């Protein structure tokens, strides 16, 4: 039985600046997904998964697509590029131009054949949604994916805005963190409690794992009041970051090092799981565009 559902797959492209990402939008039934392996790379929260499962049981829908990646050499992307020459434009938007294009029957047959073979895909965005769908016993059993070439996606990090309960005790943890953390180029660790950085006006660099360990220490010592994850899509300096984010006197701003594509593939292949909110893949598709496009095939 074909794993493709009634909604025909279609092509979704995003143009931003002088870059372009073209991928396939496809809806797969989890019950017939045995030949497809989807490999995650981020940890998940049981509480968040359970909340999403309750939402799915009530609404029976998930309009936000998940993003999975394949190597650019996969024949799927050659099929898409050839099909683009003979597609019918469905929607197009300005600014970051989002383009939906239907595919001819011969291309759909070739794509169907690819997704019926053994296939390993890398889960780039939507870890909680994916696990919520996979682990639920009843309810929604199909997922809409945007399948993209990993090489074309940009990997950004998340700013960590941390609100603490006791700034003095947190200062002690920061000093310990700086003493035991190996510095490397890329990350920044700022504290605005008394309008200075550690060390003076110079960024402290650290890995995602090191920052996650620091956050776990804050939790362990009851110092964490709130943690916000904000996509860091621009290489902003300290001043630019402060303009975009209001930092109170009892807050910290951490900027982890972005994982590059080579490192990510090595992590995935070694089945290593990064902390939650370690990677932010860009560009992102528009939820409303997916919902509207799928309705065209109802």
Protein backbone atom coordinates (compact mmCIF):
# COMPACT_ATOMS: atom_id res chain seq x y z
CA UNK A 1 0.00 0.00 0.00
CA UNK A 2 1.23 3.47 -0.82
CA UNK A 3 2.11 5.54 2.24
CA UNK A 4 1.06 8.73 0.45
CA UNK A 5 -2.35 10.01 1.47
CA UNK A 6 -5.03 11.62 -0.66
CA UNK A 7 -3.37 15.01 -0.41
CA UNK A 8 -1.03 15.13 -3.39
CA UNK A 9 2.57 16.16 -2.59
CA UNK A 10 3.56 19.57 -3.84
CA UNK A 11 6.63 21.76 -4.06
CA UNK A 12 7.27 24.55 -1.56
CA UNK A 13 10.06 27.08 -2.16
CA UNK A 14 11.26 29.96 0.00
CA UNK A 15 13.33 32.79 -1.52
CA UNK A 16 15.05 35.11 0.95
CA UNK A 17 17.80 37.53 0.01
CA UNK A 18 19.87 35.78 -2.65
CA UNK A 19 19.13 32.32 -1.21
CA UNK A 20 16.49 29.73 -2.02
CA UNK A 21 15.32 26.51 -0.38
CA UNK A 22 13.09 24.15 -2.35
CA UNK A 23 11.50 21.16 -0.66
CA UNK A 24 8.61 18.74 -0.87
CA UNK A 25 5.44 18.99 1.19
CA UNK A 26 4.06 15.53 1.79
CA UNK A 27 1.61 13.96 4.24
CA UNK A 28 2.59 10.52 5.54
CA UNK A 29 0.55 8.03 7.51
CA UNK A 30 2.43 6.86 10.60
CA UNK A 31 0.80 3.43 10.45
CA UNK A 32 2.52 2.73 7.11
CA UNK A 33 5.79 4.47 7.87
CA UNK A 34 7.79 1.34 8.72
CA UNK A 35 10.23 1.81 5.84
CA UNK A 36 11.07 5.39 6.86
CA UNK A 37 13.44 6.12 9.74
CA UNK A 38 13.24 9.62 11.19
CA UNK A 39 16.24 10.47 13.34
CA UNK A 40 15.85 13.18 16.02
CA UNK A 41 18.71 15.19 17.50
CA UNK A 42 17.13 17.13 20.39
CA UNK A 43 15.78 16.09 23.78
CA UNK A 44 12.08 16.52 24.55
CA UNK A 45 9.91 17.27 27.57
CA UNK A 46 7.43 14.59 28.68
CA UNK A 47 5.12 17.30 30.01
CA UNK A 48 5.07 19.16 26.69
CA UNK A 49 4.50 15.95 24.71
CA UNK A 50 1.53 15.00 26.90
CA UNK A 51 0.06 18.49 26.47
CA UNK A 52 0.34 18.23 22.70
CA UNK A 53 -1.29 14.79 22.75
CA UNK A 54 -4.28 16.20 24.63
CA UNK A 55 -4.50 18.98 22.04
CA UNK A 56 -4.41 16.45 19.19
CA UNK A 57 -7.14 14.32 20.76
CA UNK A 58 -9.39 17.35 21.08
CA UNK A 59 -8.74 19.06 17.74
CA UNK A 60 -7.76 16.09 15.52
CA UNK A 61 -5.46 18.41 13.57
CA UNK A 62 -1.91 19.70 13.46
CA UNK A 63 -1.47 22.51 10.95
CA UNK A 64 2.18 23.26 11.75
CA UNK A 65 4.43 21.17 9.47
CA UNK A 66 7.48 19.30 10.66
CA UNK A 67 10.76 19.77 8.79
CA UNK A 68 12.86 16.74 7.89
CA UNK A 69 16.12 16.79 5.97
CA UNK A 70 17.77 14.58 3.40
CA UNK A 71 21.20 14.91 1.85
CA UNK A 72 21.14 17.15 -1.20
CA UNK A 73 22.25 14.22 -3.39
CA UNK A 74 18.95 12.39 -2.82
CA UNK A 75 17.15 11.91 -6.19
CA UNK A 76 14.05 13.55 -4.70
CA UNK A 77 15.53 17.02 -5.20
CA UNK A 78 16.47 16.36 -8.82
CA UNK A 79 12.86 15.35 -9.44
CA UNK A 80 11.66 18.59 -7.84
CA UNK A 81 14.02 20.76 -9.88
CA UNK A 82 12.87 19.12 -13.12
CA UNK A 83 9.23 19.34 -12.08
CA UNK A 84 9.56 23.06 -11.33
CA UNK A 85 9.84 23.74 -15.04
CA UNK A 86 6.29 22.55 -15.57
CA UNK A 87 4.45 23.42 -12.37
CA UNK A 88 1.35 25.50 -11.84
CA UNK A 89 1.85 28.33 -9.36
CA UNK A 90 -0.63 28.15 -6.48
CA UNK A 91 0.44 30.97 -4.13
CA UNK A 92 3.24 33.50 -4.02
CA UNK A 93 4.10 36.12 -1.41
CA UNK A 94 6.49 39.06 -1.39
CA UNK A 95 9.33 39.82 1.08
CA UNK A 96 10.46 36.30 1.94
CA UNK A 97 8.80 34.82 -1.13
CA UNK A 98 6.93 31.61 -0.37
CA UNK A 99 5.94 29.69 -3.49
CA UNK A 100 3.69 26.64 -3.71
CA UNK A 101 3.64 24.64 -6.91
CA UNK A 102 1.66 21.57 -7.83
CA UNK A 103 3.46 18.60 -9.41
CA UNK A 104 2.64 16.65 -12.55
CA UNK A 105 1.50 13.03 -12.30
CA UNK A 106 4.79 11.52 -13.52
CA UNK A 107 6.76 13.41 -10.84
CA UNK A 108 4.33 12.29 -8.13
CA UNK A 109 4.79 8.65 -9.21
CA UNK A 110 8.59 8.98 -8.96
CA UNK A 111 8.31 10.66 -5.54
CA UNK A 112 5.96 7.94 -4.35
CA UNK A 113 8.57 5.32 -5.31
CA UNK A 114 11.26 7.11 -3.27
CA UNK A 115 9.09 7.19 -0.16
CA UNK A 116 8.23 3.48 -0.46
CA UNK A 117 11.90 2.49 -0.24
CA UNK A 118 14.07 2.37 2.87
CA UNK A 119 14.71 6.00 3.74
CA UNK A 120 16.50 7.72 6.60
CA UNK A 121 15.44 11.32 7.28
CA UNK A 122 16.80 13.78 9.85
CA UNK A 123 14.24 15.57 12.01
CA UNK A 124 15.17 19.26 11.87
CA UNK A 125 12.15 20.98 13.40
CA UNK A 126 9.19 19.72 15.45
CA UNK A 127 10.64 17.20 17.92
CA UNK A 128 7.79 17.53 20.43
CA UNK A 129 5.10 17.39 17.75
CA UNK A 130 6.70 14.34 16.16
CA UNK A 131 6.94 12.40 19.44
CA UNK A 132 3.43 13.42 20.43
CA UNK A 133 2.09 11.94 17.19
CA UNK A 134 4.25 8.83 17.30
CA UNK A 135 3.50 7.95 20.92
CA UNK A 136 -0.22 8.58 21.11
CA UNK A 137 -2.49 5.52 21.03
CA UNK A 138 -5.53 7.16 19.46
CA UNK A 139 -6.21 10.21 17.33
CA UNK A 140 -4.24 11.76 14.50
CA UNK A 141 -1.99 9.29 12.70
CA UNK A 142 -0.67 11.40 9.85
CA UNK A 143 1.99 14.08 9.70
CA UNK A 144 2.67 16.79 7.15
CA UNK A 145 6.38 17.21 6.45
CA UNK A 146 8.43 19.72 4.54
CA UNK A 147 11.32 17.64 3.16
CA UNK A 148 14.38 19.78 2.43
CA UNK A 149 18.07 19.34 1.53
CA UNK A 150 20.02 19.80 4.78
CA UNK A 151 22.80 21.64 2.97
CA UNK A 152 20.42 24.44 1.97
CA UNK A 153 19.17 25.15 5.50
CA UNK A 154 20.81 27.60 7.88
CA UNK A 155 21.38 26.48 11.47
CA UNK A 156 20.97 29.20 14.08
CA UNK A 157 20.99 29.09 17.88
CA UNK A 158 18.51 30.23 20.52
CA UNK A 159 19.16 33.11 22.87
CA UNK A 160 18.60 31.93 26.44
CA UNK A 161 16.99 34.64 28.58
CA UNK A 162 17.14 33.44 32.17
CA UNK A 163 15.35 35.01 35.11
CA UNK A 164 16.92 34.07 38.44
CA UNK A 165 15.65 34.25 42.02
CA UNK A 166 18.91 35.28 43.68
CA UNK A 167 21.48 37.21 41.67
CA UNK A 168 24.24 36.98 44.30
CA UNK A 169 24.12 33.18 44.48
CA UNK A 170 23.90 33.07 40.70
CA UNK A 171 27.11 35.13 40.52
CA UNK A 172 28.89 32.33 42.38
CA UNK A 173 27.67 29.78 39.83
CA UNK A 174 28.80 32.03 37.00
CA UNK A 175 32.31 32.23 38.44
CA UNK A 176 32.41 28.45 38.71
CA UNK A 177 31.10 28.17 35.16
CA UNK A 178 33.82 30.47 33.84
CA UNK A 179 36.50 28.59 35.76
CA UNK A 180 35.56 25.13 34.47
CA UNK A 181 34.23 25.88 30.98
CA UNK A 182 36.57 25.56 28.05
CA UNK A 183 36.34 28.62 25.83
CA UNK A 184 35.88 28.34 22.08
CA UNK A 185 34.92 30.81 19.39
CA UNK A 186 31.23 31.50 18.92
CA UNK A 187 29.17 31.74 22.11
CA UNK A 188 28.51 34.64 24.43
CA UNK A 189 27.51 34.67 28.05
CA UNK A 190 26.29 37.97 29.48
CA UNK A 191 24.93 39.09 32.82
CA UNK A 192 23.19 42.44 33.17
CA UNK A 193 22.58 42.42 36.92
CA UNK A 194 25.07 45.22 37.48
CA UNK A 195 25.48 46.29 33.85
CA UNK A 196 28.66 44.41 33.12
CA UNK A 197 29.75 41.27 31.33
CA UNK A 198 32.01 38.42 32.42
CA UNK A 199 34.84 39.18 31.91
CA UNK A 200 34.74 42.95 31.38
CA UNK A 201 33.11 43.65 28.01
CA UNK A 202 34.41 40.40 26.52
CA UNK A 203 32.17 37.49 25.48
CA UNK A 204 32.60 34.12 27.15
CA UNK A 205 32.32 31.26 24.71
CA UNK A 206 30.84 27.88 25.49
CA UNK A 207 29.09 24.95 23.90
CA UNK A 208 25.38 24.14 23.98
CA UNK A 209 26.08 21.30 26.40
CA UNK A 210 28.02 23.57 28.77
CA UNK A 211 25.23 26.13 28.85
CA UNK A 212 22.66 23.39 29.42
CA UNK A 213 24.75 22.14 32.35
CA UNK A 214 24.79 25.66 33.77
CA UNK A 215 20.98 25.87 33.45
CA UNK A 216 20.61 22.50 35.19
CA UNK A 217 22.76 23.86 38.04
CA UNK A 218 20.42 26.84 38.35
CA UNK A 219 17.48 24.43 38.62
CA UNK A 220 19.31 22.23 41.12
CA UNK A 221 19.96 25.19 43.43
CA UNK A 222 16.42 26.62 43.00
CA UNK A 223 17.78 29.71 41.27
CA UNK A 224 15.85 29.44 37.99
CA UNK A 225 12.61 31.41 37.94
CA UNK A 226 11.97 31.50 34.17
CA UNK A 227 13.70 30.42 30.96
CA UNK A 228 12.83 31.85 27.54
CA UNK A 229 14.22 30.60 24.22
CA UNK A 230 14.37 33.24 21.48
CA UNK A 231 15.51 32.40 17.92
CA UNK A 232 18.82 34.14 17.24
CA UNK A 233 18.49 34.69 13.51
CA UNK A 234 20.91 37.60 13.21
CA UNK A 235 24.56 37.82 14.18
CA UNK A 236 23.80 40.74 16.47
CA UNK A 237 26.34 42.16 18.87
CA UNK A 238 25.63 42.94 22.52
CA UNK A 239 24.13 46.36 21.77
CA UNK A 240 21.80 45.02 19.09
CA UNK A 241 20.73 42.18 21.35
CA UNK A 242 19.89 44.59 24.17
CA UNK A 243 17.77 46.65 21.79
CA UNK A 244 15.74 43.62 20.78
CA UNK A 245 15.41 42.10 24.24
CA UNK A 246 14.65 43.87 27.50
CA UNK A 247 16.96 42.47 30.17
CA UNK A 248 15.98 43.08 33.78
CA UNK A 249 18.44 43.29 36.66
CA UNK A 250 17.76 39.67 37.66
CA UNK A 251 18.17 38.21 34.17
CA UNK A 252 20.99 36.63 32.21
CA UNK A 253 21.40 36.48 28.45
CA UNK A 254 23.24 33.47 27.01
CA UNK A 255 24.12 33.02 23.34
CA UNK A 256 25.25 29.45 22.62
CA UNK A 257 27.50 28.49 19.74
CA UNK A 258 25.58 27.45 16.65
CA UNK A 259 26.13 23.85 15.57
CA UNK A 260 27.40 23.74 11.99
CA UNK A 261 26.02 21.28 9.45
CA UNK A 262 29.03 18.96 9.55
CA UNK A 263 28.89 18.76 13.35
CA UNK A 264 25.13 18.17 13.28
CA UNK A 265 25.40 15.29 10.81
CA UNK A 266 28.12 13.72 12.95
CA UNK A 267 25.93 14.09 16.04
CA UNK A 268 22.94 12.56 14.26
CA UNK A 269 24.94 9.64 12.90
CA UNK A 270 26.35 8.94 16.35
CA UNK A 271 22.77 9.14 17.73
CA UNK A 272 23.75 11.87 20.16
CA UNK A 273 20.87 13.91 21.57
CA UNK A 274 21.38 17.64 22.18
CA UNK A 275 19.50 19.61 24.87
CA UNK A 276 16.11 21.08 23.98
CA UNK A 277 16.17 24.27 21.87
CA UNK A 278 19.74 23.71 20.71
CA UNK A 279 19.15 24.38 17.03
CA UNK A 280 16.92 26.74 15.08
CA UNK A 281 16.64 25.89 11.39
CA UNK A 282 15.98 28.70 8.95
CA UNK A 283 14.00 29.54 6.83
CA UNK A 284 10.63 28.44 8.21
CA UNK A 285 7.49 27.68 6.19
CA UNK A 286 4.24 29.50 6.87
CA UNK A 287 1.66 27.47 8.81
CA UNK A 288 -1.31 29.16 7.15
CA UNK A 289 0.15 28.40 3.73
CA UNK A 290 0.31 24.68 4.49
CA UNK A 291 -3.22 24.67 5.82
CA UNK A 292 -4.57 26.50 2.79
CA UNK A 293 -2.66 24.37 0.32
CA UNK A 294 -3.85 21.10 1.84
CA UNK A 295 -7.42 22.31 1.56
CA UNK A 296 -6.93 22.52 -2.21
CA UNK A 297 -6.61 18.73 -2.23
CA UNK A 298 -9.58 17.89 0.03
